[in-house]
């Protein structure tokens, strides 16, 4: 997997670093494992959670791509 520069708030970086360290990993290794996990499982778009009981909301400029999925769509196409 190629490296990428991603800008995130310092608080988020610090929290991810803490989570990685708790698992005995560097931030780089933790993010690589997370990316591999996310890229190798199929996501159907429905992801209910206590804060999202109705599942995921997708913000996209191509709403037709998500039309058949069980998600709520926020159309960003201008």
C-alpha atoms as a PDB file:
ATOM      1  CA  UNK A   1       0.000   0.000   0.000  1.00  0.00           C
ATOM      2  CA  UNK A   2       1.379   3.394  -0.956  1.00  0.00           C
ATOM      3  CA  UNK A   3       1.920   6.117   1.609  1.00  0.00           C
ATOM      4  CA  UNK A   4      -0.375   9.118   1.616  1.00  0.00           C
ATOM      5  CA  UNK A   5      -0.261  12.458   3.379  1.00  0.00           C
ATOM      6  CA  UNK A   6      -3.507  13.024   5.227  1.00  0.00           C
ATOM      7  CA  UNK A   7      -4.184  16.109   7.310  1.00  0.00           C
ATOM      8  CA  UNK A   8      -6.224  15.517  10.440  1.00  0.00           C
ATOM      9  CA  UNK A   9      -6.604  17.548  13.628  1.00  0.00           C
ATOM     10  CA  UNK A  10      -3.797  17.073  16.135  1.00  0.00           C
ATOM     11  CA  UNK A  11      -6.295  15.755  18.693  1.00  0.00           C
ATOM     12  CA  UNK A  12      -7.390  13.006  16.306  1.00  0.00           C
ATOM     13  CA  UNK A  13      -3.781  12.098  15.515  1.00  0.00           C
ATOM     14  CA  UNK A  14      -2.908  11.963  19.208  1.00  0.00           C
ATOM     15  CA  UNK A  15      -5.925   9.768  19.988  1.00  0.00           C
ATOM     16  CA  UNK A  16      -5.089   7.387  17.142  1.00  0.00           C
ATOM     17  CA  UNK A  17      -1.515   7.234  18.408  1.00  0.00           C
ATOM     18  CA  UNK A  18      -2.805   6.269  21.871  1.00  0.00           C
ATOM     19  CA  UNK A  19      -5.055   3.558  20.425  1.00  0.00           C
ATOM     20  CA  UNK A  20      -2.187   2.208  18.325  1.00  0.00           C
ATOM     21  CA  UNK A  21       0.192   2.175  21.304  1.00  0.00           C
ATOM     22  CA  UNK A  22      -2.368   0.312  23.399  1.00  0.00           C
ATOM     23  CA  UNK A  23      -2.267  -2.414  20.762  1.00  0.00           C
ATOM     24  CA  UNK A  24       1.534  -2.385  20.648  1.00  0.00           C
ATOM     25  CA  UNK A  25       1.685  -0.748  17.219  1.00  0.00           C
ATOM     26  CA  UNK A  26       3.101   2.398  15.745  1.00  0.00           C
ATOM     27  CA  UNK A  27       0.598   4.838  14.276  1.00  0.00           C
ATOM     28  CA  UNK A  28       1.792   3.901  10.790  1.00  0.00           C
ATOM     29  CA  UNK A  29       1.334   0.172  11.428  1.00  0.00           C
ATOM     30  CA  UNK A  30      -2.070   0.721  13.032  1.00  0.00           C
ATOM     31  CA  UNK A  31      -3.332   2.797  10.097  1.00  0.00           C
ATOM     32  CA  UNK A  32      -1.985   0.250   7.603  1.00  0.00           C
ATOM     33  CA  UNK A  33      -3.810  -2.555   9.413  1.00  0.00           C
ATOM     34  CA  UNK A  34      -6.978  -0.461   9.626  1.00  0.00           C
ATOM     35  CA  UNK A  35      -6.835   0.314   5.913  1.00  0.00           C
ATOM     36  CA  UNK A  36      -6.301  -3.349   5.067  1.00  0.00           C
ATOM     37  CA  UNK A  37      -9.243  -4.356   7.243  1.00  0.00           C
ATOM     38  CA  UNK A  38     -11.522  -1.778   5.677  1.00  0.00           C
ATOM     39  CA  UNK A  39     -10.431  -2.527   2.117  1.00  0.00           C
ATOM     40  CA  UNK A  40     -10.877  -6.284   2.408  1.00  0.00           C
ATOM     41  CA  UNK A  41     -14.411  -6.463   3.749  1.00  0.00           C
ATOM     42  CA  UNK A  42     -17.500  -5.591   1.825  1.00  0.00           C
ATOM     43  CA  UNK A  43     -19.469  -2.661   3.158  1.00  0.00           C
ATOM     44  CA  UNK A  44     -23.139  -2.599   2.325  1.00  0.00           C
ATOM     45  CA  UNK A  45     -23.701   0.962   3.525  1.00  0.00           C
ATOM     46  CA  UNK A  46     -25.932   0.015   6.426  1.00  0.00           C
ATOM     47  CA  UNK A  47     -24.089   0.719   9.621  1.00  0.00           C
ATOM     48  CA  UNK A  48     -26.471   1.291  12.523  1.00  0.00           C
ATOM     49  CA  UNK A  49     -25.013   2.494  15.785  1.00  0.00           C
ATOM     50  CA  UNK A  50     -26.455   4.142  18.911  1.00  0.00           C
ATOM     51  CA  UNK A  51     -25.754   7.541  17.366  1.00  0.00           C
ATOM     52  CA  UNK A  52     -27.018   6.451  13.927  1.00  0.00           C
ATOM     53  CA  UNK A  53     -29.986   4.124  14.474  1.00  0.00           C
ATOM     54  CA  UNK A  54     -31.065   4.542  10.856  1.00  0.00           C
ATOM     55  CA  UNK A  55     -27.677   3.578   9.436  1.00  0.00           C
ATOM     56  CA  UNK A  56     -25.246   5.527   7.317  1.00  0.00           C
ATOM     57  CA  UNK A  57     -25.638   8.825   5.531  1.00  0.00           C
ATOM     58  CA  UNK A  58     -23.616   9.139   2.340  1.00  0.00           C
ATOM     59  CA  UNK A  59     -22.518  12.593   1.161  1.00  0.00           C
ATOM     60  CA  UNK A  60     -21.787  12.305  -2.544  1.00  0.00           C
ATOM     61  CA  UNK A  61     -21.770  14.166  -5.827  1.00  0.00           C
ATOM     62  CA  UNK A  62     -22.874  10.949  -7.570  1.00  0.00           C
ATOM     63  CA  UNK A  63     -26.115   9.957  -5.787  1.00  0.00           C
ATOM     64  CA  UNK A  64     -27.121   7.539  -8.536  1.00  0.00           C
ATOM     65  CA  UNK A  65     -24.221   5.301  -7.487  1.00  0.00           C
ATOM     66  CA  UNK A  66     -25.904   4.743  -4.098  1.00  0.00           C
ATOM     67  CA  UNK A  67     -29.532   4.526  -5.277  1.00  0.00           C
ATOM     68  CA  UNK A  68     -29.886   0.779  -4.677  1.00  0.00           C
ATOM     69  CA  UNK A  69     -28.096   0.816  -1.299  1.00  0.00           C
ATOM     70  CA  UNK A  70     -29.791   0.947   2.116  1.00  0.00           C
ATOM     71  CA  UNK A  71     -28.395   4.388   2.972  1.00  0.00           C
ATOM     72  CA  UNK A  72     -29.658   7.940   3.242  1.00  0.00           C
ATOM     73  CA  UNK A  73     -28.091  10.186   0.595  1.00  0.00           C
ATOM     74  CA  UNK A  74     -26.952  13.785   0.954  1.00  0.00           C
ATOM     75  CA  UNK A  75     -26.619  14.990  -2.645  1.00  0.00           C
ATOM     76  CA  UNK A  76     -23.603  17.303  -3.049  1.00  0.00           C
ATOM     77  CA  UNK A  77     -23.931  17.626  -6.822  1.00  0.00           C
ATOM     78  CA  UNK A  78     -24.088  21.327  -7.616  1.00  0.00           C
END
